[in-house]
C-alpha atoms as a PDB file:
ATOM      1  CA  UNK A   1      30.526  30.274 -17.891  1.00  0.00           C
ATOM      2  CA  UNK A   2      27.325  28.844 -16.641  1.00  0.00           C
ATOM      3  CA  UNK A   3      25.274  31.564 -15.188  1.00  0.00           C
ATOM      4  CA  UNK A   4      21.757  30.028 -15.568  1.00  0.00           C
ATOM      5  CA  UNK A   5      22.439  26.903 -13.234  1.00  0.00           C
ATOM      6  CA  UNK A   6      25.285  27.836 -10.491  1.00  0.00           C
ATOM      7  CA  UNK A   7      23.258  26.056  -7.960  1.00  0.00           C
ATOM      8  CA  UNK A   8      22.780  22.964  -9.747  1.00  0.00           C
ATOM      9  CA  UNK A   9      24.266  20.099  -7.882  1.00  0.00           C
ATOM     10  CA  UNK A  10      26.309  17.338  -9.743  1.00  0.00           C
ATOM     11  CA  UNK A  11      27.690  14.188  -8.605  1.00  0.00           C
ATOM     12  CA  UNK A  12      30.715  12.387 -10.140  1.00  0.00           C
ATOM     13  CA  UNK A  13      31.022   8.497  -9.506  1.00  0.00           C
ATOM     14  CA  UNK A  14      34.149   7.272 -10.906  1.00  0.00           C
ATOM     15  CA  UNK A  15      36.990   4.655  -9.107  1.00  0.00           C
ATOM     16  CA  UNK A  16      39.547   6.751 -11.433  1.00  0.00           C
ATOM     17  CA  UNK A  17      40.613   9.718  -9.658  1.00  0.00           C
ATOM     18  CA  UNK A  18      42.055  11.188 -12.673  1.00  0.00           C
ATOM     19  CA  UNK A  19      38.891  11.185 -14.177  1.00  0.00           C
ATOM     20  CA  UNK A  20      37.265  12.735 -11.502  1.00  0.00           C
ATOM     21  CA  UNK A  21      39.986  15.630 -11.200  1.00  0.00           C
ATOM     22  CA  UNK A  22      39.312  15.950 -15.120  1.00  0.00           C
ATOM     23  CA  UNK A  23      35.571  16.151 -14.655  1.00  0.00           C
ATOM     24  CA  UNK A  24      35.744  18.714 -11.845  1.00  0.00           C
ATOM     25  CA  UNK A  25      38.324  20.690 -13.893  1.00  0.00           C
ATOM     26  CA  UNK A  26      35.413  20.925 -16.879  1.00  0.00           C
ATOM     27  CA  UNK A  27      32.275  21.549 -14.418  1.00  0.00           C
ATOM     28  CA  UNK A  28      34.278  23.925 -12.240  1.00  0.00           C
ATOM     29  CA  UNK A  29      35.478  26.290 -15.532  1.00  0.00           C
ATOM     30  CA  UNK A  30      31.681  26.160 -16.774  1.00  0.00           C
ATOM     31  CA  UNK A  31      30.574  27.991 -13.321  1.00  0.00           C
ATOM     32  CA  UNK A  32      28.870  24.889 -11.691  1.00  0.00           C
ATOM     33  CA  UNK A  33      29.812  25.063  -8.002  1.00  0.00           C
ATOM     34  CA  UNK A  34      28.268  22.472  -6.259  1.00  0.00           C
ATOM     35  CA  UNK A  35      30.428  19.401  -7.227  1.00  0.00           C
ATOM     36  CA  UNK A  36      30.769  16.024  -5.162  1.00  0.00           C
ATOM     37  CA  UNK A  37      32.306  12.928  -5.963  1.00  0.00           C
ATOM     38  CA  UNK A  38      33.295   9.299  -4.579  1.00  0.00           C
ATOM     39  CA  UNK A  39      35.539   6.803  -5.939  1.00  0.00           C
ATOM     40  CA  UNK A  40      33.348   3.753  -4.467  1.00  0.00           C
ATOM     41  CA  UNK A  41      29.944   2.710  -5.970  1.00  0.00           C
ATOM     42  CA  UNK A  42      28.942   1.490  -2.682  1.00  0.00           C
ATOM     43  CA  UNK A  43      28.472   5.504  -1.380  1.00  0.00           C
ATOM     44  CA  UNK A  44      26.560   6.512  -3.963  1.00  0.00           C
ATOM     45  CA  UNK A  45      22.902   5.817  -2.263  1.00  0.00           C
ATOM     46  CA  UNK A  46      24.077   7.702   1.043  1.00  0.00           C
ATOM     47  CA  UNK A  47      25.542  10.577  -1.259  1.00  0.00           C
ATOM     48  CA  UNK A  48      22.195  10.625  -3.141  1.00  0.00           C
ATOM     49  CA  UNK A  49      20.511  10.952  -0.325  1.00  0.00           C
ATOM     50  CA  UNK A  50      22.438  13.228   1.535  1.00  0.00           C
ATOM     51  CA  UNK A  51      23.328  15.641  -1.553  1.00  0.00           C
ATOM     52  CA  UNK A  52      20.438  15.097  -3.909  1.00  0.00           C
ATOM     53  CA  UNK A  53      22.066  15.506  -7.426  1.00  0.00           C
ATOM     54  CA  UNK A  54      20.408  17.160 -10.124  1.00  0.00           C
ATOM     55  CA  UNK A  55      22.954  15.333 -12.187  1.00  0.00           C
ATOM     56  CA  UNK A  56      24.880  12.019 -11.783  1.00  0.00           C
ATOM     57  CA  UNK A  57      27.969  11.261 -13.908  1.00  0.00           C
ATOM     58  CA  UNK A  58      28.497   7.468 -13.672  1.00  0.00           C
ATOM     59  CA  UNK A  59      31.680   5.266 -14.812  1.00  0.00           C
ATOM     60  CA  UNK A  60      30.370   1.506 -15.551  1.00  0.00           C
ATOM     61  CA  UNK A  61      33.518  -0.350 -14.903  1.00  0.00           C
ATOM     62  CA  UNK A  62      34.139  -0.094 -11.299  1.00  0.00           C
ATOM     63  CA  UNK A  63      35.104  -2.591  -8.235  1.00  0.00           C
ATOM     64  CA  UNK A  64      32.866  -3.960  -5.740  1.00  0.00           C
ATOM     65  CA  UNK A  65      29.614  -2.593  -7.705  1.00  0.00           C
ATOM     66  CA  UNK A  66      29.487  -1.978 -11.439  1.00  0.00           C
ATOM     67  CA  UNK A  67      27.826   1.080 -13.213  1.00  0.00           C
ATOM     68  CA  UNK A  68      24.841  -0.930 -14.033  1.00  0.00           C
ATOM     69  CA  UNK A  69      24.048  -1.964 -10.441  1.00  0.00           C
ATOM     70  CA  UNK A  70      24.183   1.774  -9.144  1.00  0.00           C
ATOM     71  CA  UNK A  71      21.543   2.549 -12.023  1.00  0.00           C
ATOM     72  CA  UNK A  72      19.432  -0.096 -10.658  1.00  0.00           C
ATOM     73  CA  UNK A  73      19.442   1.520  -7.351  1.00  0.00           C
ATOM     74  CA  UNK A  74      19.331   5.366  -8.584  1.00  0.00           C
ATOM     75  CA  UNK A  75      16.152   4.086 -10.649  1.00  0.00           C
ATOM     76  CA  UNK A  76      14.352   2.523  -7.643  1.00  0.00           C
ATOM     77  CA  UNK A  77      15.123   5.667  -5.565  1.00  0.00           C
ATOM     78  CA  UNK A  78      13.752   7.951  -8.687  1.00  0.00           C
ATOM     79  CA  UNK A  79      10.691   6.377  -8.899  1.00  0.00           C
ATOM     80  CA  UNK A  80       9.751   7.351  -5.491  1.00  0.00           C
ATOM     81  CA  UNK A  81      11.138  10.896  -6.268  1.00  0.00           C
ATOM     82  CA  UNK A  82      10.921  12.149  -9.829  1.00  0.00           C
ATOM     83  CA  UNK A  83      13.190  12.595 -12.872  1.00  0.00           C
ATOM     84  CA  UNK A  84      16.986  12.535 -12.197  1.00  0.00           C
ATOM     85  CA  UNK A  85      19.109  12.515 -14.916  1.00  0.00           C
ATOM     86  CA  UNK A  86      22.245  10.048 -15.370  1.00  0.00           C
ATOM     87  CA  UNK A  87      25.226  10.571 -17.569  1.00  0.00           C
ATOM     88  CA  UNK A  88      27.131   7.195 -18.442  1.00  0.00           C
ATOM     89  CA  UNK A  89      30.874   7.501 -19.012  1.00  0.00           C
ATOM     90  CA  UNK A  90      32.444   4.541 -20.191  1.00  0.00           C
ATOM     91  CA  UNK A  91      35.508   3.040 -22.092  1.00  0.00           C
ATOM     92  CA  UNK A  92      33.656   0.684 -23.639  1.00  0.00           C
ATOM     93  CA  UNK A  93      32.660   1.418 -26.983  1.00  0.00           C
ATOM     94  CA  UNK A  94      30.183  -1.424 -27.896  1.00  0.00           C
ATOM     95  CA  UNK A  95      26.638  -0.879 -29.129  1.00  0.00           C
ATOM     96  CA  UNK A  96      25.694  -3.630 -26.436  1.00  0.00           C
ATOM     97  CA  UNK A  97      27.287  -1.216 -23.477  1.00  0.00           C
ATOM     98  CA  UNK A  98      25.275   1.419 -24.835  1.00  0.00           C
ATOM     99  CA  UNK A  99      21.912  -0.412 -24.526  1.00  0.00           C
ATOM    100  CA  UNK A 100      22.566  -1.913 -21.535  1.00  0.00           C
ATOM    101  CA  UNK A 101      22.975   1.823 -20.080  1.00  0.00           C
ATOM    102  CA  UNK A 102      19.879   2.893 -21.861  1.00  0.00           C
ATOM    103  CA  UNK A 103      18.009   0.146 -20.376  1.00  0.00           C
ATOM    104  CA  UNK A 104      19.050   0.953 -16.990  1.00  0.00           C
ATOM    105  CA  UNK A 105      17.503   4.534 -16.983  1.00  0.00           C
ATOM    106  CA  UNK A 106      20.622   6.380 -18.590  1.00  0.00           C
ATOM    107  CA  UNK A 107      19.573   9.527 -19.879  1.00  0.00           C
ATOM    108  CA  UNK A 108      23.073   9.930 -22.062  1.00  0.00           C
ATOM    109  CA  UNK A 109      25.899   8.450 -22.669  1.00  0.00           C
ATOM    110  CA  UNK A 110      30.066   9.036 -23.198  1.00  0.00           C
ATOM    111  CA  UNK A 111      32.652   7.228 -24.140  1.00  0.00           C
ATOM    112  CA  UNK A 112      36.290   7.937 -22.730  1.00  0.00           C
ATOM    113  CA  UNK A 113      38.585   9.450 -23.404  1.00  0.00           C
ATOM    114  CA  UNK A 114      36.218  12.160 -22.749  1.00  0.00           C
ATOM    115  CA  UNK A 115      35.687  15.280 -24.676  1.00  0.00           C
ATOM    116  CA  UNK A 116      35.340  18.300 -22.838  1.00  0.00           C
ATOM    117  CA  UNK A 117      33.305  20.299 -25.064  1.00  0.00           C
ATOM    118  CA  UNK A 118      31.105  17.141 -25.404  1.00  0.00           C
ATOM    119  CA  UNK A 119      30.962  16.900 -21.669  1.00  0.00           C
ATOM    120  CA  UNK A 120      29.670  20.290 -21.415  1.00  0.00           C
ATOM    121  CA  UNK A 121      27.048  20.057 -23.815  1.00  0.00           C
ATOM    122  CA  UNK A 122      25.536  16.992 -22.442  1.00  0.00           C
ATOM    123  CA  UNK A 123      25.672  18.352 -18.701  1.00  0.00           C
ATOM    124  CA  UNK A 124      24.117  21.537 -19.885  1.00  0.00           C
ATOM    125  CA  UNK A 125      21.603  19.958 -21.621  1.00  0.00           C
ATOM    126  CA  UNK A 126      20.936  17.134 -19.074  1.00  0.00           C
ATOM    127  CA  UNK A 127      20.680  19.792 -16.316  1.00  0.00           C
ATOM    128  CA  UNK A 128      18.134  22.000 -18.539  1.00  0.00           C
ATOM    129  CA  UNK A 129      15.832  18.999 -18.362  1.00  0.00           C
ATOM    130  CA  UNK A 130      15.993  18.326 -14.845  1.00  0.00           C
ATOM    131  CA  UNK A 131      15.691  22.266 -14.052  1.00  0.00           C
ATOM    132  CA  UNK A 132      12.212  22.121 -16.469  1.00  0.00           C
ATOM    133  CA  UNK A 133      11.308  19.113 -14.913  1.00  0.00           C
ATOM    134  CA  UNK A 134      11.248  20.615 -11.220  1.00  0.00           C
ATOM    135  CA  UNK A 135       9.880  23.731 -12.747  1.00  0.00           C
ATOM    136  CA  UNK A 136       6.806  21.781 -14.328  1.00  0.00           C
ATOM    137  CA  UNK A 137       6.500  19.795 -11.131  1.00  0.00           C
ATOM    138  CA  UNK A 138       6.309  23.035  -9.308  1.00  0.00           C
ATOM    139  CA  UNK A 139       3.839  24.447 -11.304  1.00  0.00           C
ATOM    140  CA  UNK A 140       1.473  21.528 -11.248  1.00  0.00           C
ATOM    141  CA  UNK A 141       1.803  21.351  -7.209  1.00  0.00           C
ATOM    142  CA  UNK A 142       0.927  24.941  -7.394  1.00  0.00           C
ATOM    143  CA  UNK A 143      -2.073  24.403  -9.507  1.00  0.00           C
ATOM    144  CA  UNK A 144      -2.772  21.581  -7.724  1.00  0.00           C
ATOM    145  CA  UNK A 145      -3.071  23.413  -4.646  1.00  0.00           C
ATOM    146  CA  UNK A 146      -5.010  26.001  -6.271  1.00  0.00           C
ATOM    147  CA  UNK A 147      -7.636  23.738  -7.391  1.00  0.00           C
ATOM    148  CA  UNK A 148      -7.959  21.996  -4.067  1.00  0.00           C
ATOM    149  CA  UNK A 149      -8.155  25.729  -2.460  1.00  0.00           C
ATOM    150  CA  UNK A 150     -11.087  26.707  -4.910  1.00  0.00           C
ATOM    151  CA  UNK A 151     -12.835  23.360  -4.621  1.00  0.00           C
ATOM    152  CA  UNK A 152     -12.812  23.968  -0.642  1.00  0.00           C
ATOM    153  CA  UNK A 153     -14.177  27.194  -1.027  1.00  0.00           C
ATOM    154  CA  UNK A 154     -16.709  26.046  -3.433  1.00  0.00           C
ATOM    155  CA  UNK A 155     -17.852  23.006  -1.112  1.00  0.00           C
ATOM    156  CA  UNK A 156     -17.647  25.475   2.029  1.00  0.00           C
ATOM    157  CA  UNK A 157     -19.825  28.057   0.286  1.00  0.00           C
ATOM    158  CA  UNK A 158     -22.345  25.049  -0.414  1.00  0.00           C
ATOM    159  CA  UNK A 159     -22.506  23.978   2.859  1.00  0.00           C
ATOM    160  CA  UNK A 160     -23.063  27.271   4.188  1.00  0.00           C
ATOM    161  CA  UNK A 161     -25.998  27.670   1.794  1.00  0.00           C
ATOM    162  CA  UNK A 162     -27.105  24.608   3.047  1.00  0.00           C
ATOM    163  CA  UNK A 163     -27.138  25.344   6.611  1.00  0.00           C
ATOM    164  CA  UNK A 164     -28.800  28.561   6.279  1.00  0.00           C
ATOM    165  CA  UNK A 165     -31.506  26.462   4.159  1.00  0.00           C
ATOM    166  CA  UNK A 166     -31.523  24.258   7.136  1.00  0.00           C
ATOM    167  CA  UNK A 167     -31.985  27.558   9.527  1.00  0.00           C
ATOM    168  CA  UNK A 168     -34.971  28.904   7.193  1.00  0.00           C
ATOM    169  CA  UNK A 169     -36.406  25.758   7.696  1.00  0.00           C
ATOM    170  CA  UNK A 170     -36.070  25.687  11.450  1.00  0.00           C
ATOM    171  CA  UNK A 171     -37.385  29.212  12.069  1.00  0.00           C
ATOM    172  CA  UNK A 172     -40.509  28.099  10.696  1.00  0.00           C
ATOM    173  CA  UNK A 173     -41.302  26.228  13.527  1.00  0.00           C
ATOM    174  CA  UNK A 174     -38.380  27.422  16.045  1.00  0.00           C
ATOM    175  CA  UNK A 175     -38.070  31.236  16.293  1.00  0.00           C
ATOM    176  CA  UNK A 176     -34.691  31.181  17.918  1.00  0.00           C
ATOM    177  CA  UNK A 177     -33.401  28.806  15.311  1.00  0.00           C
ATOM    178  CA  UNK A 178     -30.784  27.166  17.495  1.00  0.00           C
ATOM    179  CA  UNK A 179     -32.101  23.653  17.543  1.00  0.00           C
ATOM    180  CA  UNK A 180     -29.943  22.694  14.563  1.00  0.00           C
ATOM    181  CA  UNK A 181     -26.703  23.944  16.599  1.00  0.00           C
ATOM    182  CA  UNK A 182     -27.694  22.117  19.415  1.00  0.00           C
ATOM    183  CA  UNK A 183     -28.420  18.944  17.652  1.00  0.00           C
ATOM    184  CA  UNK A 184     -25.044  19.292  15.966  1.00  0.00           C
ATOM    185  CA  UNK A 185     -23.024  19.965  19.424  1.00  0.00           C
ATOM    186  CA  UNK A 186     -24.844  17.296  21.254  1.00  0.00           C
ATOM    187  CA  UNK A 187     -24.337  14.775  18.297  1.00  0.00           C
ATOM    188  CA  UNK A 188     -20.422  15.508  18.244  1.00  0.00           C
ATOM    189  CA  UNK A 189     -20.626  14.657  22.074  1.00  0.00           C
ATOM    190  CA  UNK A 190     -22.409  11.847  21.917  1.00  0.00           C
ATOM    191  CA  UNK A 191     -19.905  10.535  18.823  1.00  0.00           C
ATOM    192  CA  UNK A 192     -16.801  11.547  21.273  1.00  0.00           C
ATOM    193  CA  UNK A 193     -18.363   9.376  24.202  1.00  0.00           C
ATOM    194  CA  UNK A 194     -18.919   6.592  21.408  1.00  0.00           C
ATOM    195  CA  UNK A 195     -15.144   6.456  20.780  1.00  0.00           C
ATOM    196  CA  UNK A 196     -15.681   7.778  17.434  1.00  0.00           C
ATOM    197  CA  UNK A 197     -12.224   9.358  15.634  1.00  0.00           C
ATOM    198  CA  UNK A 198     -11.741  13.299  15.995  1.00  0.00           C
ATOM    199  CA  UNK A 199     -12.504  13.491  12.116  1.00  0.00           C
ATOM    200  CA  UNK A 200     -15.802  11.567  12.647  1.00  0.00           C
ATOM    201  CA  UNK A 201     -16.832  13.698  15.557  1.00  0.00           C
ATOM    202  CA  UNK A 202     -16.102  16.546  13.587  1.00  0.00           C
ATOM    203  CA  UNK A 203     -18.362  15.454  10.905  1.00  0.00           C
ATOM    204  CA  UNK A 204     -21.107  14.867  13.008  1.00  0.00           C
ATOM    205  CA  UNK A 205     -20.900  18.583  14.256  1.00  0.00           C
ATOM    206  CA  UNK A 206     -20.990  19.700  10.837  1.00  0.00           C
ATOM    207  CA  UNK A 207     -23.699  17.576   9.093  1.00  0.00           C
ATOM    208  CA  UNK A 208     -26.274  16.940  12.026  1.00  0.00           C
ATOM    209  CA  UNK A 209     -27.314  20.308  11.974  1.00  0.00           C
ATOM    210  CA  UNK A 210     -28.961  19.156   8.190  1.00  0.00           C
ATOM    211  CA  UNK A 211     -30.922  16.636   9.921  1.00  0.00           C
ATOM    212  CA  UNK A 212     -34.243  18.617   9.008  1.00  0.00           C
ATOM    213  CA  UNK A 213     -33.422  20.413   5.875  1.00  0.00           C
ATOM    214  CA  UNK A 214     -36.188  18.711   4.101  1.00  0.00           C
ATOM    215  CA  UNK A 215     -38.701  20.887   6.341  1.00  0.00           C
ATOM    216  CA  UNK A 216     -38.232  23.328   3.369  1.00  0.00           C
ATOM    217  CA  UNK A 217     -40.664  21.090   1.281  1.00  0.00           C
ATOM    218  CA  UNK A 218     -43.512  20.520   4.101  1.00  0.00           C
ATOM    219  CA  UNK A 219     -46.212  23.265   3.973  1.00  0.00           C
ATOM    220  CA  UNK A 220     -47.204  25.461   6.733  1.00  0.00           C
ATOM    221  CA  UNK A 221     -50.411  24.003   7.620  1.00  0.00           C
ATOM    222  CA  UNK A 222     -48.570  20.745   8.461  1.00  0.00           C
ATOM    223  CA  UNK A 223     -45.257  22.239  10.156  1.00  0.00           C
ATOM    224  CA  UNK A 224     -46.856  24.615  11.897  1.00  0.00           C
ATOM    225  CA  UNK A 225     -50.062  22.713  13.344  1.00  0.00           C
ATOM    226  CA  UNK A 226     -50.994  23.185  16.880  1.00  0.00           C
ATOM    227  CA  UNK A 227     -53.203  19.661  16.809  1.00  0.00           C
ATOM    228  CA  UNK A 228     -52.271  16.152  16.238  1.00  0.00           C
ATOM    229  CA  UNK A 229     -51.563  15.634  12.665  1.00  0.00           C
ATOM    230  CA  UNK A 230     -54.155  13.696  10.421  1.00  0.00           C
ATOM    231  CA  UNK A 231     -52.888  10.421   9.032  1.00  0.00           C
ATOM    232  CA  UNK A 232     -52.409  11.912   5.734  1.00  0.00           C
ATOM    233  CA  UNK A 233     -50.501  15.048   6.713  1.00  0.00           C
ATOM    234  CA  UNK A 234     -48.379  12.607   8.964  1.00  0.00           C
ATOM    235  CA  UNK A 235     -47.388  10.965   5.781  1.00  0.00           C
ATOM    236  CA  UNK A 236     -46.432  14.330   4.421  1.00  0.00           C
ATOM    237  CA  UNK A 237     -44.680  15.217   7.454  1.00  0.00           C
ATOM    238  CA  UNK A 238     -42.255  11.978   6.896  1.00  0.00           C
ATOM    239  CA  UNK A 239     -41.328  12.847   3.398  1.00  0.00           C
ATOM    240  CA  UNK A 240     -38.835  15.667   4.871  1.00  0.00           C
ATOM    241  CA  UNK A 241     -36.289  13.140   5.163  1.00  0.00           C
ATOM    242  CA  UNK A 242     -36.490  11.776   1.528  1.00  0.00           C
ATOM    243  CA  UNK A 243     -36.529  15.665   0.760  1.00  0.00           C
ATOM    244  CA  UNK A 244     -33.445  16.229   2.874  1.00  0.00           C
ATOM    245  CA  UNK A 245     -31.548  13.077   1.413  1.00  0.00           C
ATOM    246  CA  UNK A 246     -32.469  14.322  -1.784  1.00  0.00           C
ATOM    247  CA  UNK A 247     -31.162  17.901  -1.236  1.00  0.00           C
ATOM    248  CA  UNK A 248     -27.878  17.002   0.336  1.00  0.00           C
ATOM    249  CA  UNK A 249     -27.249  14.009  -1.764  1.00  0.00           C
ATOM    250  CA  UNK A 250     -23.632  14.460  -2.924  1.00  0.00           C
ATOM    251  CA  UNK A 251     -21.626  11.158  -3.084  1.00  0.00           C
ATOM    252  CA  UNK A 252     -18.423  12.889  -4.037  1.00  0.00           C
ATOM    253  CA  UNK A 253     -18.384  15.054  -1.196  1.00  0.00           C
ATOM    254  CA  UNK A 254     -18.196  13.051   2.065  1.00  0.00           C
ATOM    255  CA  UNK A 255     -19.455  15.543   4.437  1.00  0.00           C
ATOM    256  CA  UNK A 256     -22.606  16.342   2.412  1.00  0.00           C
ATOM    257  CA  UNK A 257     -22.930  12.542   1.986  1.00  0.00           C
ATOM    258  CA  UNK A 258     -22.707  12.128   5.444  1.00  0.00           C
ATOM    259  CA  UNK A 259     -25.708  14.925   6.028  1.00  0.00           C
ATOM    260  CA  UNK A 260     -27.856  12.858   3.319  1.00  0.00           C
ATOM    261  CA  UNK A 261     -27.560   9.937   5.114  1.00  0.00           C
ATOM    262  CA  UNK A 262     -28.281  11.498   8.841  1.00  0.00           C
ATOM    263  CA  UNK A 263     -31.519  13.298   6.995  1.00  0.00           C
ATOM    264  CA  UNK A 264     -32.509   9.851   5.861  1.00  0.00           C
ATOM    265  CA  UNK A 265     -32.368   8.077   9.075  1.00  0.00           C
ATOM    266  CA  UNK A 266     -32.756   9.840  11.743  1.00  0.00           C
ATOM    267  CA  UNK A 267     -36.542   8.663  12.237  1.00  0.00           C
ATOM    268  CA  UNK A 268     -35.974   5.217  11.975  1.00  0.00           C
ATOM    269  CA  UNK A 269     -36.361   3.070  14.861  1.00  0.00           C
ATOM    270  CA  UNK A 270     -34.046   0.720  16.646  1.00  0.00           C
ATOM    271  CA  UNK A 271     -37.328  -1.662  16.957  1.00  0.00           C
ATOM    272  CA  UNK A 272     -37.991  -1.255  13.094  1.00  0.00           C
ATOM    273  CA  UNK A 273     -41.275   0.854  13.408  1.00  0.00           C
ATOM    274  CA  UNK A 274     -39.560   4.007  12.188  1.00  0.00           C
ATOM    275  CA  UNK A 275     -39.464   5.784   9.025  1.00  0.00           C
ATOM    276  CA  UNK A 276     -38.863   6.461   5.738  1.00  0.00           C
ATOM    277  CA  UNK A 277     -37.761   3.306   5.096  1.00  0.00           C
ATOM    278  CA  UNK A 278     -38.238   1.115   8.541  1.00  0.00           C
ATOM    279  CA  UNK A 279     -34.740   0.156   9.415  1.00  0.00           C
ATOM    280  CA  UNK A 280     -34.178  -1.366  12.670  1.00  0.00           C
ATOM    281  CA  UNK A 281     -31.164  -1.972  14.866  1.00  0.00           C
ATOM    282  CA  UNK A 282     -27.582  -1.747  13.226  1.00  0.00           C
ATOM    283  CA  UNK A 283     -29.113  -1.452   9.534  1.00  0.00           C
ATOM    284  CA  UNK A 284     -29.954   2.003  10.951  1.00  0.00           C
ATOM    285  CA  UNK A 285     -26.651   3.944  10.030  1.00  0.00           C
ATOM    286  CA  UNK A 286     -24.711   4.919  13.238  1.00  0.00           C
ATOM    287  CA  UNK A 287     -25.007   8.705  12.481  1.00  0.00           C
ATOM    288  CA  UNK A 288     -28.705   8.347  12.464  1.00  0.00           C
ATOM    289  CA  UNK A 289     -28.823   6.586  15.476  1.00  0.00           C
ATOM    290  CA  UNK A 290     -26.823   9.314  17.159  1.00  0.00           C
ATOM    291  CA  UNK A 291     -28.898  12.125  15.948  1.00  0.00           C
ATOM    292  CA  UNK A 292     -32.285  10.699  16.460  1.00  0.00           C
ATOM    293  CA  UNK A 293     -31.276  10.634  20.300  1.00  0.00           C
ATOM    294  CA  UNK A 294     -29.646  14.362  20.185  1.00  0.00           C
ATOM    295  CA  UNK A 295     -32.899  15.695  17.998  1.00  0.00           C
ATOM    296  CA  UNK A 296     -35.426  13.768  20.124  1.00  0.00           C
ATOM    297  CA  UNK A 297     -33.912  15.242  23.553  1.00  0.00           C
ATOM    298  CA  UNK A 298     -33.665  18.667  22.277  1.00  0.00           C
ATOM    299  CA  UNK A 299     -37.339  18.995  20.528  1.00  0.00           C
ATOM    300  CA  UNK A 300     -38.736  17.439  23.793  1.00  0.00           C
ATOM    301  CA  UNK A 301     -36.642  20.223  26.212  1.00  0.00           C
ATOM    302  CA  UNK A 302     -37.733  22.981  24.070  1.00  0.00           C
ATOM    303  CA  UNK A 303     -41.132  24.524  23.098  1.00  0.00           C
ATOM    304  CA  UNK A 304     -42.756  24.080  19.662  1.00  0.00           C
ATOM    305  CA  UNK A 305     -46.199  25.401  18.487  1.00  0.00           C
ATOM    306  CA  UNK A 306     -47.899  22.107  19.247  1.00  0.00           C
ATOM    307  CA  UNK A 307     -46.406  21.771  22.863  1.00  0.00           C
ATOM    308  CA  UNK A 308     -44.453  23.161  25.800  1.00  0.00           C
ATOM    309  CA  UNK A 309     -41.252  22.363  26.744  1.00  0.00           C
ATOM    310  CA  UNK A 310     -40.277  19.256  29.129  1.00  0.00           C
ATOM    311  CA  UNK A 311     -37.952  19.377  32.022  1.00  0.00           C
ATOM    312  CA  UNK A 312     -34.585  18.155  31.498  1.00  0.00           C
ATOM    313  CA  UNK A 313     -35.345  15.043  34.106  1.00  0.00           C
ATOM    314  CA  UNK A 314     -38.651  14.251  32.223  1.00  0.00           C
ATOM    315  CA  UNK A 315     -36.917  14.155  29.111  1.00  0.00           C
ATOM    316  CA  UNK A 316     -34.022  12.150  30.174  1.00  0.00           C
ATOM    317  CA  UNK A 317     -36.584   9.824  31.636  1.00  0.00           C
ATOM    318  CA  UNK A 318     -37.925   9.624  28.117  1.00  0.00           C
ATOM    319  CA  UNK A 319     -34.957   8.695  26.052  1.00  0.00           C
ATOM    320  CA  UNK A 320     -34.391   5.932  28.611  1.00  0.00           C
ATOM    321  CA  UNK A 321     -37.958   4.694  28.242  1.00  0.00           C
ATOM    322  CA  UNK A 322     -37.392   4.760  24.557  1.00  0.00           C
ATOM    323  CA  UNK A 323     -33.940   2.866  24.835  1.00  0.00           C
ATOM    324  CA  UNK A 324     -34.081  -0.401  22.766  1.00  0.00           C
ATOM    325  CA  UNK A 325     -37.073   0.596  21.026  1.00  0.00           C
ATOM    326  CA  UNK A 326     -36.737   3.922  19.484  1.00  0.00           C
ATOM    327  CA  UNK A 327     -32.938   4.036  19.951  1.00  0.00           C
ATOM    328  CA  UNK A 328     -29.990   2.389  19.948  1.00  0.00           C
ATOM    329  CA  UNK A 329     -29.073   1.560  23.879  1.00  0.00           C
ATOM    330  CA  UNK A 330     -25.627   1.809  23.437  1.00  0.00           C
ATOM    331  CA  UNK A 331     -26.394   5.545  21.823  1.00  0.00           C
ATOM    332  CA  UNK A 332     -29.011   6.385  25.148  1.00  0.00           C
ATOM    333  CA  UNK A 333     -25.954   5.157  27.143  1.00  0.00           C
ATOM    334  CA  UNK A 334     -23.491   7.248  25.685  1.00  0.00           C
ATOM    335  CA  UNK A 335     -25.771  10.230  25.601  1.00  0.00           C
ATOM    336  CA  UNK A 336     -26.635   9.701  29.376  1.00  0.00           C
ATOM    337  CA  UNK A 337     -22.978  10.204  30.102  1.00  0.00           C
ATOM    338  CA  UNK A 338     -22.783  13.213  28.083  1.00  0.00           C
ATOM    339  CA  UNK A 339     -25.436  14.756  29.916  1.00  0.00           C
ATOM    340  CA  UNK A 340     -24.067  13.989  33.479  1.00  0.00           C
ATOM    341  CA  UNK A 341     -21.009  15.570  32.734  1.00  0.00           C
ATOM    342  CA  UNK A 342     -21.496  18.603  29.985  1.00  0.00           C
ATOM    343  CA  UNK A 343     -25.326  19.214  30.486  1.00  0.00           C
ATOM    344  CA  UNK A 344     -24.897  22.835  29.722  1.00  0.00           C
ATOM    345  CA  UNK A 345     -23.634  22.108  25.924  1.00  0.00           C
ATOM    346  CA  UNK A 346     -26.456  19.932  24.879  1.00  0.00           C
ATOM    347  CA  UNK A 347     -29.202  22.104  26.533  1.00  0.00           C
END
């Protein structure tokens, strides 16, 4: 009796009912409890889809469709699904018959009249191979899942560290440390108003707060200056864009690649007079154009060591004035819609 694989599913395909009954007796005596059969090879595809057999016992010479055509159909299906052994049973003893069966994808071959002992051995061996394949596939899937979970955890930890780094930089000239979060929320809302997909909006929300992470490399004497910066100091201040982009550079991690792109481009201007690369119009990445508006509005409406807070109305007027100069007019229009509908979420 077969105690190791009682749940194995076996499909018999043979146009001779006597052969089917013989095979059923052999298999049931071995303890295989799930056996289906058909005398019509045209039913095989539907049966395989429904029954999902672990093993197919297949005759070659049949009406309507020979076993070689059935082999071809099963091989095409299993290219998408995995390893399913096929044991060919035929009264053709020629070497060519065996070669054709192997070429068609058969995993073993028996000639009729069938020997019960040979059937039992071949069936057991093929089913053991099938079960080993399934177990290996399951273990590989589990391993892949664990690797993905670990990778996600590591990337999450890395992103958290970078967010904390951004907050540390922000606390140096914003004692609330909320600027980065507000810019993230506003950028996401602008992206949604522009019609970006949910994944892109979520990416903006997570990446935009890292736009000023490069400030960590700017001296306090410049970052916290309460007077207008000298040309030399302003050139140093500009480097926070490239410092941030270098800190975030990670082309294999899409979210960090987006954050790096934002860090590098959020001070570019629509008219080409921005920095660090003097990009203009649509040469500036859309994410940078969005964050430029969100960042400027938030900076205007909140106090800094070198300035007092502007009113919302005055800041909106300034953003509108800079449309087509510093900012992408389409982004400004989307921002104005966001402000009109959801002012509390970007304030």
